[in-house]
């Protein structure tokens, strides 16, 4: 499994489409263990660009602070699960909390 997390200053960026970078975290689902991480520069913001761009990089889950409903739907069309309302933490902590079933999510930080 490959999880994408939008970054700003090394932690989760609240606004998904306007992040600086993405952490792509590879996880062994059976062991619930992180097996790799790749950080990549985010492309320039352009509506509709991120779903195919992340899908091409093997992403099948996104942990985000906030994401608009339109983007959420575009990811769902590609079979990419989206979790919103995550706290500002490091990618490793977010993934570990998710797989440990302790990830606390709140309100979607995006309202468009």
N, C-alpha and C. Protein backbone atom coordinates (compact mmCIF):
# COMPACT_ATOMS: atom_id res chain seq x y z
N UNK A 1 0.84 -1.17 0.00
CA UNK A 1 0.00 0.00 0.00
C UNK A 1 0.89 1.23 0.00
N UNK A 2 0.44 2.25 -0.70
CA UNK A 2 1.19 3.52 -0.74
C UNK A 2 0.26 4.64 -0.29
N UNK A 3 0.68 5.36 0.74
CA UNK A 3 -0.10 6.43 1.33
C UNK A 3 0.56 7.77 0.99
N UNK A 4 -0.25 8.71 0.49
CA UNK A 4 0.26 10.06 0.20
C UNK A 4 -0.20 11.00 1.31
N UNK A 5 0.75 11.84 1.75
CA UNK A 5 0.44 12.85 2.77
C UNK A 5 1.00 14.18 2.29
N UNK A 6 0.13 15.19 2.16
CA UNK A 6 0.60 16.51 1.74
C UNK A 6 1.41 17.16 2.85
N UNK A 7 2.52 17.79 2.48
CA UNK A 7 3.43 18.36 3.49
C UNK A 7 3.61 19.86 3.38
N UNK A 8 3.82 20.47 4.53
CA UNK A 8 4.27 21.85 4.66
C UNK A 8 5.20 21.84 5.88
N UNK A 9 6.43 22.25 5.69
CA UNK A 9 7.42 22.27 6.77
C UNK A 9 7.57 20.90 7.44
N UNK A 10 7.50 19.82 6.66
CA UNK A 10 7.75 18.48 7.16
C UNK A 10 6.59 17.80 7.86
N UNK A 11 5.46 18.50 8.02
CA UNK A 11 4.28 17.92 8.65
C UNK A 11 3.08 18.06 7.72
N UNK A 12 1.98 17.43 8.10
CA UNK A 12 0.78 17.47 7.28
C UNK A 12 0.37 18.90 6.97
N UNK A 13 0.13 19.18 5.69
CA UNK A 13 -0.36 20.49 5.26
C UNK A 13 -1.88 20.46 5.35
N UNK A 14 -2.45 21.47 5.95
CA UNK A 14 -3.90 21.51 6.12
C UNK A 14 -4.63 21.59 4.78
N UNK A 15 -4.12 22.38 3.84
CA UNK A 15 -4.78 22.54 2.55
C UNK A 15 -4.11 21.65 1.51
N UNK A 16 -4.76 20.54 1.22
CA UNK A 16 -4.23 19.49 0.36
C UNK A 16 -3.69 19.99 -0.98
N UNK A 17 -4.47 20.74 -1.72
CA UNK A 17 -4.09 21.15 -3.07
C UNK A 17 -3.02 22.21 -3.14
N UNK A 18 -2.63 22.76 -2.01
CA UNK A 18 -1.63 23.84 -2.00
C UNK A 18 -0.41 23.48 -1.17
N UNK A 19 -0.09 22.19 -1.11
CA UNK A 19 1.06 21.77 -0.31
C UNK A 19 2.37 21.98 -1.07
N UNK A 20 3.48 21.92 -0.32
CA UNK A 20 4.82 22.08 -0.91
C UNK A 20 5.32 20.78 -1.53
N UNK A 21 5.06 19.68 -0.81
CA UNK A 21 5.59 18.36 -1.18
C UNK A 21 4.57 17.30 -0.77
N UNK A 22 4.83 16.10 -1.22
CA UNK A 22 4.07 14.94 -0.76
C UNK A 22 5.05 13.92 -0.20
N UNK A 23 4.70 13.33 0.93
CA UNK A 23 5.41 12.16 1.43
C UNK A 23 4.63 10.96 0.91
N UNK A 24 5.32 10.06 0.22
CA UNK A 24 4.71 8.81 -0.23
C UNK A 24 5.27 7.72 0.67
N UNK A 25 4.40 7.17 1.48
CA UNK A 25 4.79 6.19 2.49
C UNK A 25 4.36 4.80 2.03
N UNK A 26 5.32 3.89 1.91
CA UNK A 26 5.02 2.51 1.54
C UNK A 26 4.82 1.70 2.81
N UNK A 27 3.73 0.93 2.84
CA UNK A 27 3.36 0.19 4.04
C UNK A 27 3.14 -1.28 3.70
N UNK A 28 3.69 -2.14 4.53
CA UNK A 28 3.40 -3.57 4.47
C UNK A 28 2.10 -3.74 5.25
N UNK A 29 0.98 -3.94 4.54
CA UNK A 29 -0.32 -3.99 5.21
C UNK A 29 -0.43 -5.16 6.18
N UNK A 30 0.13 -6.30 5.83
CA UNK A 30 0.03 -7.48 6.69
C UNK A 30 0.70 -7.23 8.04
N UNK A 31 1.87 -6.58 7.99
CA UNK A 31 2.62 -6.31 9.22
C UNK A 31 2.28 -4.95 9.83
N UNK A 32 1.50 -4.13 9.07
CA UNK A 32 1.16 -2.78 9.50
C UNK A 32 2.42 -1.98 9.83
N UNK A 33 3.40 -2.09 8.92
CA UNK A 33 4.71 -1.48 9.16
C UNK A 33 5.13 -0.65 7.96
N UNK A 34 5.73 0.51 8.23
CA UNK A 34 6.26 1.36 7.18
C UNK A 34 7.53 0.72 6.64
N UNK A 35 7.60 0.58 5.32
CA UNK A 35 8.78 -0.04 4.71
C UNK A 35 9.55 0.91 3.80
N UNK A 36 9.03 2.13 3.60
CA UNK A 36 9.75 3.08 2.77
C UNK A 36 9.06 4.43 2.75
N UNK A 37 9.82 5.45 2.35
CA UNK A 37 9.28 6.79 2.22
C UNK A 37 10.00 7.49 1.09
N UNK A 38 9.22 8.19 0.27
CA UNK A 38 9.76 9.02 -0.81
C UNK A 38 9.06 10.37 -0.73
N UNK A 39 9.83 11.45 -0.69
CA UNK A 39 9.26 12.79 -0.72
C UNK A 39 9.42 13.35 -2.12
N UNK A 40 8.33 13.91 -2.65
CA UNK A 40 8.37 14.49 -3.99
C UNK A 40 7.76 15.88 -3.99
N UNK A 41 8.28 16.72 -4.86
CA UNK A 41 7.73 18.08 -5.01
C UNK A 41 6.33 17.99 -5.56
N UNK A 42 5.44 18.81 -5.02
CA UNK A 42 4.07 18.87 -5.54
C UNK A 42 4.09 19.63 -6.86
N UNK A 43 3.24 19.22 -7.79
CA UNK A 43 3.16 19.98 -9.04
C UNK A 43 2.45 21.31 -8.78
N UNK A 44 2.55 22.26 -9.69
CA UNK A 44 1.81 23.53 -9.52
C UNK A 44 0.32 23.24 -9.37
N UNK A 45 -0.36 24.03 -8.54
CA UNK A 45 -1.79 23.81 -8.30
C UNK A 45 -2.58 23.96 -9.61
N UNK A 46 -3.37 22.94 -9.89
CA UNK A 46 -4.22 22.96 -11.07
C UNK A 46 -5.39 22.02 -10.78
N UNK A 47 -6.63 22.51 -10.81
CA UNK A 47 -7.77 21.66 -10.51
C UNK A 47 -7.77 20.38 -11.37
N UNK A 48 -7.99 19.25 -10.71
CA UNK A 48 -8.08 17.97 -11.41
C UNK A 48 -6.76 17.29 -11.71
N UNK A 49 -5.63 17.93 -11.43
CA UNK A 49 -4.33 17.36 -11.75
C UNK A 49 -3.88 16.27 -10.76
N UNK A 50 -4.12 16.48 -9.48
CA UNK A 50 -3.56 15.57 -8.47
C UNK A 50 -4.10 14.14 -8.51
N UNK A 51 -5.37 13.90 -8.78
CA UNK A 51 -5.82 12.49 -8.82
C UNK A 51 -5.03 11.63 -9.81
N UNK A 52 -4.90 12.01 -11.09
CA UNK A 52 -4.11 11.15 -11.97
C UNK A 52 -2.62 11.16 -11.62
N UNK A 53 -2.10 12.29 -11.17
CA UNK A 53 -0.69 12.43 -10.84
C UNK A 53 -0.30 11.50 -9.70
N UNK A 54 -1.12 11.45 -8.65
CA UNK A 54 -0.83 10.56 -7.53
C UNK A 54 -1.11 9.10 -7.88
N UNK A 55 -2.14 8.85 -8.67
CA UNK A 55 -2.44 7.47 -9.10
C UNK A 55 -1.28 6.90 -9.90
N UNK A 56 -0.67 7.71 -10.76
CA UNK A 56 0.49 7.27 -11.55
C UNK A 56 1.66 6.88 -10.66
N UNK A 57 1.71 7.40 -9.46
CA UNK A 57 2.80 7.11 -8.52
C UNK A 57 2.43 5.99 -7.55
N UNK A 58 1.34 5.29 -7.83
CA UNK A 58 0.96 4.11 -7.06
C UNK A 58 0.23 4.37 -5.77
N UNK A 59 -0.25 5.58 -5.57
CA UNK A 59 -0.95 5.91 -4.33
C UNK A 59 -2.33 5.26 -4.30
N UNK A 60 -2.67 4.63 -3.16
CA UNK A 60 -4.03 4.11 -3.02
C UNK A 60 -4.72 4.59 -1.75
N UNK A 61 -4.07 5.50 -1.01
CA UNK A 61 -4.70 6.13 0.14
C UNK A 61 -4.08 7.50 0.36
N UNK A 62 -4.90 8.44 0.81
CA UNK A 62 -4.44 9.79 1.15
C UNK A 62 -4.90 10.09 2.57
N UNK A 63 -3.99 10.62 3.36
CA UNK A 63 -4.35 11.15 4.68
C UNK A 63 -4.16 12.66 4.57
N UNK A 64 -5.26 13.40 4.80
CA UNK A 64 -5.23 14.84 4.60
C UNK A 64 -5.89 15.57 5.76
N UNK A 65 -5.58 16.85 5.85
CA UNK A 65 -6.26 17.70 6.82
C UNK A 65 -7.59 18.13 6.26
N UNK A 66 -7.55 18.60 5.01
CA UNK A 66 -8.77 19.04 4.36
C UNK A 66 -8.69 18.83 2.86
N UNK A 67 -9.86 18.57 2.27
CA UNK A 67 -9.93 18.37 0.83
C UNK A 67 -11.35 18.70 0.38
N UNK A 68 -11.46 19.41 -0.72
CA UNK A 68 -12.77 19.75 -1.26
C UNK A 68 -13.52 18.52 -1.75
N UNK A 69 -14.84 18.61 -1.77
CA UNK A 69 -15.67 17.47 -2.17
C UNK A 69 -15.40 17.04 -3.60
N UNK A 70 -15.16 17.98 -4.48
CA UNK A 70 -14.90 17.64 -5.88
C UNK A 70 -13.63 16.79 -6.00
N UNK A 71 -12.56 17.21 -5.33
CA UNK A 71 -11.31 16.45 -5.35
C UNK A 71 -11.51 15.08 -4.72
N UNK A 72 -12.24 15.05 -3.62
CA UNK A 72 -12.51 13.78 -2.93
C UNK A 72 -13.17 12.80 -3.91
N UNK A 73 -14.14 13.28 -4.67
CA UNK A 73 -14.82 12.45 -5.66
C UNK A 73 -13.90 11.97 -6.77
N UNK A 74 -13.00 12.84 -7.23
CA UNK A 74 -12.07 12.46 -8.29
C UNK A 74 -11.11 11.36 -7.82
N UNK A 75 -10.70 11.43 -6.57
CA UNK A 75 -9.84 10.36 -6.03
C UNK A 75 -10.62 9.06 -5.90
N UNK A 76 -11.86 9.15 -5.45
CA UNK A 76 -12.70 7.94 -5.31
C UNK A 76 -12.87 7.25 -6.66
N UNK A 77 -13.03 8.02 -7.74
CA UNK A 77 -13.16 7.46 -9.09
C UNK A 77 -11.94 6.64 -9.48
N UNK A 78 -10.80 6.95 -8.91
CA UNK A 78 -9.56 6.23 -9.21
C UNK A 78 -9.25 5.15 -8.18
N UNK A 79 -10.18 4.93 -7.26
CA UNK A 79 -10.00 3.89 -6.26
C UNK A 79 -9.05 4.27 -5.14
N UNK A 80 -8.83 5.58 -4.97
CA UNK A 80 -7.94 6.06 -3.91
C UNK A 80 -8.78 6.47 -2.71
N UNK A 81 -8.55 5.82 -1.58
CA UNK A 81 -9.27 6.13 -0.34
C UNK A 81 -8.73 7.44 0.23
N UNK A 82 -9.63 8.28 0.72
CA UNK A 82 -9.24 9.57 1.30
C UNK A 82 -9.73 9.67 2.73
N UNK A 83 -8.82 10.02 3.63
CA UNK A 83 -9.15 10.27 5.03
C UNK A 83 -8.88 11.74 5.28
N UNK A 84 -9.89 12.48 5.73
CA UNK A 84 -9.72 13.90 6.00
C UNK A 84 -9.87 14.19 7.49
N UNK A 85 -9.44 15.38 7.87
CA UNK A 85 -9.55 15.80 9.26
C UNK A 85 -8.39 15.35 10.13
N UNK A 86 -7.30 14.91 9.49
CA UNK A 86 -6.12 14.45 10.24
C UNK A 86 -5.41 15.64 10.89
N UNK A 87 -4.74 15.41 12.01
CA UNK A 87 -4.00 16.48 12.68
C UNK A 87 -2.66 16.78 12.00
N UNK A 88 -2.10 17.93 12.32
CA UNK A 88 -0.79 18.32 11.80
C UNK A 88 0.27 17.53 12.57
N UNK A 89 0.77 16.47 11.93
CA UNK A 89 1.78 15.59 12.51
C UNK A 89 2.73 15.16 11.41
N UNK A 90 3.77 14.42 11.77
CA UNK A 90 4.68 13.88 10.77
C UNK A 90 3.99 12.74 10.01
N UNK A 91 4.41 12.49 8.77
CA UNK A 91 3.81 11.40 8.00
C UNK A 91 3.91 10.05 8.71
N UNK A 92 5.04 9.77 9.30
CA UNK A 92 5.22 8.48 9.98
C UNK A 92 4.23 8.31 11.13
N UNK A 93 4.02 9.37 11.90
CA UNK A 93 3.06 9.28 13.01
C UNK A 93 1.65 9.08 12.49
N UNK A 94 1.28 9.79 11.45
CA UNK A 94 -0.07 9.66 10.90
C UNK A 94 -0.32 8.23 10.40
N UNK A 95 0.63 7.69 9.66
CA UNK A 95 0.48 6.34 9.13
C UNK A 95 0.47 5.31 10.26
N UNK A 96 1.38 5.46 11.21
CA UNK A 96 1.42 4.53 12.34
C UNK A 96 0.11 4.59 13.13
N UNK A 97 -0.41 5.79 13.35
CA UNK A 97 -1.67 5.92 14.07
C UNK A 97 -2.82 5.30 13.28
N UNK A 98 -2.84 5.50 11.96
CA UNK A 98 -3.90 4.92 11.14
C UNK A 98 -3.87 3.39 11.25
N UNK A 99 -2.72 2.80 11.04
CA UNK A 99 -2.64 1.34 11.06
C UNK A 99 -2.75 0.78 12.48
N UNK A 100 -2.47 1.60 13.48
CA UNK A 100 -2.68 1.19 14.86
C UNK A 100 -4.09 1.48 15.35
N UNK A 101 -4.92 1.99 14.43
CA UNK A 101 -6.32 2.34 14.71
C UNK A 101 -6.47 3.37 15.82
N UNK A 102 -5.50 4.30 15.87
CA UNK A 102 -5.57 5.36 16.88
C UNK A 102 -5.56 6.76 16.24
N UNK A 103 -5.68 6.83 14.91
CA UNK A 103 -5.68 8.13 14.24
C UNK A 103 -6.95 8.88 14.58
N UNK A 104 -6.81 10.02 15.20
CA UNK A 104 -7.95 10.86 15.56
C UNK A 104 -8.16 11.87 14.46
N UNK A 105 -9.33 11.83 13.84
CA UNK A 105 -9.65 12.79 12.79
C UNK A 105 -10.75 13.71 13.29
N UNK A 106 -10.73 14.92 12.77
CA UNK A 106 -11.75 15.90 13.13
C UNK A 106 -12.47 16.37 11.89
N UNK A 107 -12.81 17.62 11.90
CA UNK A 107 -13.55 18.24 10.82
C UNK A 107 -12.66 18.39 9.58
N UNK A 108 -13.24 18.23 8.41
CA UNK A 108 -12.55 18.49 7.16
C UNK A 108 -12.15 19.95 7.13
N UNK A 109 -10.88 20.23 6.99
CA UNK A 109 -10.38 21.61 7.05
C UNK A 109 -10.64 22.39 5.77
N UNK A 110 -11.31 21.78 4.80
CA UNK A 110 -11.58 22.44 3.52
C UNK A 110 -13.08 22.48 3.30
N UNK A 111 -13.60 23.62 2.87
CA UNK A 111 -15.05 23.72 2.70
C UNK A 111 -15.49 24.00 1.26
N UNK A 112 -14.65 23.69 0.28
CA UNK A 112 -15.08 23.90 -1.12
C UNK A 112 -14.96 22.64 -1.92
